[in-house]
Protein backbone atom coordinates (compact mmCIF):
# COMPACT_ATOMS: atom_id res chain seq x y z
CA UNK A 1 -119.58 18.96 -101.21
CA UNK A 2 -121.37 20.78 -104.04
CA UNK A 3 -122.12 23.76 -101.81
CA UNK A 4 -118.48 24.01 -100.73
CA UNK A 5 -117.26 23.94 -104.38
CA UNK A 6 -119.87 26.50 -105.34
CA UNK A 7 -118.82 28.88 -102.53
CA UNK A 8 -115.12 28.52 -103.36
CA UNK A 9 -115.84 29.16 -107.06
CA UNK A 10 -117.95 32.20 -106.22
CA UNK A 11 -115.27 33.65 -103.93
CA UNK A 12 -112.55 33.06 -106.55
CA UNK A 13 -114.67 34.64 -109.29
CA UNK A 14 -115.50 37.68 -107.17
CA UNK A 15 -111.85 38.09 -106.13
CA UNK A 16 -110.56 37.87 -109.69
CA UNK A 17 -113.16 40.37 -110.93
CA UNK A 18 -112.33 42.81 -108.17
CA UNK A 19 -108.59 42.72 -108.84
CA UNK A 20 -109.18 43.01 -112.59
CA UNK A 21 -111.43 46.04 -112.15
CA UNK A 22 -108.91 47.74 -109.86
CA UNK A 23 -106.09 47.33 -112.39
CA UNK A 24 -108.01 48.54 -115.44
CA UNK A 25 -107.36 47.49 -119.00
CA UNK A 26 -104.12 49.10 -120.14
CA UNK A 27 -103.38 48.69 -123.83
CA UNK A 28 -100.47 49.01 -126.27
CA UNK A 29 -101.30 49.98 -129.83
CA UNK A 30 -99.26 50.53 -133.00
CA UNK A 31 -100.46 53.47 -135.11
CA UNK A 32 -99.46 54.27 -138.69
CA UNK A 33 -98.53 57.85 -139.58
CA UNK A 34 -99.94 58.96 -142.94
CA UNK A 35 -97.93 61.21 -145.22
CA UNK A 36 -94.30 61.62 -146.23
CA UNK A 37 -91.26 63.44 -144.83
CA UNK A 38 -91.73 66.11 -147.52
CA UNK A 39 -95.45 66.75 -146.84
CA UNK A 40 -95.54 65.95 -143.12
CA UNK A 41 -97.46 63.29 -141.24
CA UNK A 42 -100.83 63.10 -139.54
CA UNK A 43 -102.94 60.45 -137.84
CA UNK A 44 -105.71 59.93 -135.34
CA UNK A 45 -105.97 57.40 -132.53
CA UNK A 46 -108.23 56.39 -129.68
CA UNK A 47 -109.25 53.62 -127.31
CA UNK A 48 -112.31 52.41 -125.48
CA UNK A 49 -111.90 51.04 -121.96
CA UNK A 50 -114.26 48.27 -120.90
CA UNK A 51 -113.15 48.02 -117.28
CA UNK A 52 -113.41 50.49 -114.40
CA UNK A 53 -110.03 51.47 -112.95
CA UNK A 54 -106.68 53.01 -113.76
CA UNK A 55 -104.98 52.49 -117.09
CA UNK A 56 -101.75 53.21 -118.90
CA UNK A 57 -102.07 53.15 -122.69
CA UNK A 58 -99.03 53.20 -124.95
CA UNK A 59 -99.30 54.31 -128.59
CA UNK A 60 -96.28 53.65 -130.81
CA UNK A 61 -96.33 55.61 -134.08
CA UNK A 62 -94.50 54.50 -137.21
CA UNK A 63 -92.52 55.26 -139.25
CA UNK A 64 -89.80 56.95 -137.21
CA UNK A 65 -89.36 60.63 -137.98
CA UNK A 66 -86.29 62.83 -138.35
CA UNK A 67 -86.16 66.12 -136.49
CA UNK A 68 -89.68 67.46 -136.91
CA UNK A 69 -92.10 69.93 -135.40
CA UNK A 70 -94.98 68.01 -133.82
CA UNK A 71 -98.22 68.79 -131.99
CA UNK A 72 -100.60 66.36 -130.30
CA UNK A 73 -104.13 66.44 -128.85
CA UNK A 74 -106.17 63.98 -126.74
CA UNK A 75 -109.75 64.46 -125.57
CA UNK A 76 -112.69 62.78 -123.90
CA UNK A 77 -116.31 63.91 -123.48
CA UNK A 78 -118.86 62.89 -120.89
CA UNK A 79 -121.83 65.21 -121.19
CA UNK A 80 -124.08 63.92 -118.44
CA UNK A 81 -123.62 60.32 -119.51
CA UNK A 82 -122.04 57.36 -117.84
CA UNK A 83 -118.81 57.09 -119.84
CA UNK A 84 -116.26 59.15 -117.92
CA UNK A 85 -112.47 59.08 -118.29
CA UNK A 86 -110.23 61.30 -116.16
CA UNK A 87 -106.76 61.91 -117.57
CA UNK A 88 -103.96 61.78 -115.01
CA UNK A 89 -101.00 62.50 -117.31
CA UNK A 90 -99.63 61.89 -120.79
CA UNK A 91 -96.30 62.37 -122.49
CA UNK A 92 -94.90 62.00 -125.97
CA UNK A 93 -91.21 61.04 -126.03
CA UNK A 94 -90.82 62.57 -122.57
CA UNK A 95 -92.67 65.83 -123.41
CA UNK A 96 -95.62 66.25 -121.04
CA UNK A 97 -99.04 67.21 -122.39
CA UNK A 98 -100.96 70.05 -120.70
CA UNK A 99 -104.49 69.14 -119.51
CA UNK A 100 -107.69 71.00 -118.77
CA UNK A 101 -109.22 70.37 -115.32
CA UNK A 102 -111.21 67.17 -114.85
CA UNK A 103 -114.83 67.51 -115.89
CA UNK A 104 -117.35 66.65 -118.57
CA UNK A 105 -114.95 67.55 -121.36
CA UNK A 106 -111.24 66.98 -120.82
CA UNK A 107 -108.46 67.71 -123.26
CA UNK A 108 -104.70 67.52 -123.29
CA UNK A 109 -102.31 69.03 -125.81
CA UNK A 110 -98.67 69.31 -126.67
CA UNK A 111 -97.68 72.67 -128.11
CA UNK A 112 -95.46 72.47 -131.20
CA UNK A 113 -92.34 70.63 -130.05
CA UNK A 114 -89.22 69.36 -131.84
CA UNK A 115 -89.01 65.56 -131.77
CA UNK A 116 -87.21 62.80 -133.65
CA UNK A 117 -86.97 59.03 -133.67
CA UNK A 118 -89.69 56.55 -132.87
CA UNK A 119 -92.68 58.37 -131.37
CA UNK A 120 -94.27 56.91 -128.23
CA UNK A 121 -97.29 58.48 -126.52
CA UNK A 122 -98.13 57.22 -123.01
CA UNK A 123 -101.56 58.13 -121.60
CA UNK A 124 -102.38 57.54 -117.91
CA UNK A 125 -105.91 57.88 -116.62
CA UNK A 126 -108.89 56.47 -114.78
CA UNK A 127 -111.91 54.94 -116.43
CA UNK A 128 -114.82 55.68 -114.10
CA UNK A 129 -117.30 53.54 -115.98
CA UNK A 130 -117.51 50.67 -118.41
CA UNK A 131 -117.26 51.70 -122.09
CA UNK A 132 -115.43 54.97 -121.62
CA UNK A 133 -113.35 56.22 -124.54
CA UNK A 134 -111.00 58.95 -125.69
CA UNK A 135 -109.40 59.96 -128.96
CA UNK A 136 -106.67 62.19 -130.29
CA UNK A 137 -104.67 63.49 -133.22
CA UNK A 138 -100.98 63.81 -133.99
CA UNK A 139 -99.62 66.21 -136.63
CA UNK A 140 -96.02 66.47 -137.78
CA UNK A 141 -94.90 69.39 -139.95
CA UNK A 142 -92.23 68.85 -142.59
CA UNK A 143 -88.85 70.40 -141.87
CA UNK A 144 -87.15 72.01 -144.87
CA UNK A 145 -83.91 70.41 -146.00
CA UNK A 146 -80.66 72.36 -145.41
CA UNK A 147 -80.45 73.01 -149.16
CA UNK A 148 -83.71 74.98 -148.93
CA UNK A 149 -82.22 77.29 -146.30
CA UNK A 150 -79.05 77.74 -148.38
CA UNK A 151 -81.09 78.67 -151.45
CA UNK A 152 -83.13 81.16 -149.41
CA UNK A 153 -79.99 82.77 -147.94
CA UNK A 154 -78.40 82.89 -151.40
CA UNK A 155 -81.50 84.62 -152.80
CA UNK A 156 -81.47 87.17 -149.98
CA UNK A 157 -77.77 87.79 -150.61
CA UNK A 158 -78.39 88.43 -154.31
CA UNK A 159 -81.26 90.82 -153.50
CA UNK A 160 -79.04 92.70 -151.03
CA UNK A 161 -76.27 92.97 -153.62
CA UNK A 162 -78.67 94.30 -156.27
CA UNK A 163 -80.21 96.79 -153.81
CA UNK A 164 -76.82 98.06 -152.66
CA UNK A 165 -75.61 98.41 -156.24
CA UNK A 166 -78.70 100.39 -157.23
CA UNK A 167 -78.26 102.65 -154.21
CA UNK A 168 -74.61 103.34 -155.16
CA UNK A 169 -75.58 103.93 -158.77
CA UNK A 170 -78.28 106.43 -157.65
CA UNK A 171 -75.76 108.23 -155.37
CA UNK A 172 -73.20 108.45 -158.15
CA UNK A 173 -75.74 109.83 -160.62
CA UNK A 174 -77.02 112.46 -158.15
CA UNK A 175 -73.48 113.71 -157.24
CA UNK A 176 -72.53 113.99 -160.90
CA UNK A 177 -75.27 116.60 -161.49
């Protein structure tokens, strides 16, 4: 009886570990953006995976942002060690990141892109070993208010007016001679 219980327990434990390792340890994380709408926002993020297998990590950044110019970067390094992650894909609010080929150092980036609303970064990959990690940064540039553009256009208009007036005044003075 004891042997039968032991064998059943061993088989169940092995089966549960195998299915857990195949699934990976996907995670969802909330990340705070530091800064203000006037100065822009920036933050860093990262995760360590403790299980071999595929994963899908979701990073939700707060606060929500208005229309802004954003760039993002994720990276992992495995320089001859035993802590390898291979990125499969990643996107931020539907904008796909571009990745280097799989290898000892992998990186993905999002060129400056216009985004707004709640920011959600989804990273898909494979952890090829226990204790594999990656990290990244997110930078959001401030967008000038419409009043700033109006003031700039007004200033350019005044400079054009002054320049044109001086040109006419110079023409008039040279024809009078």
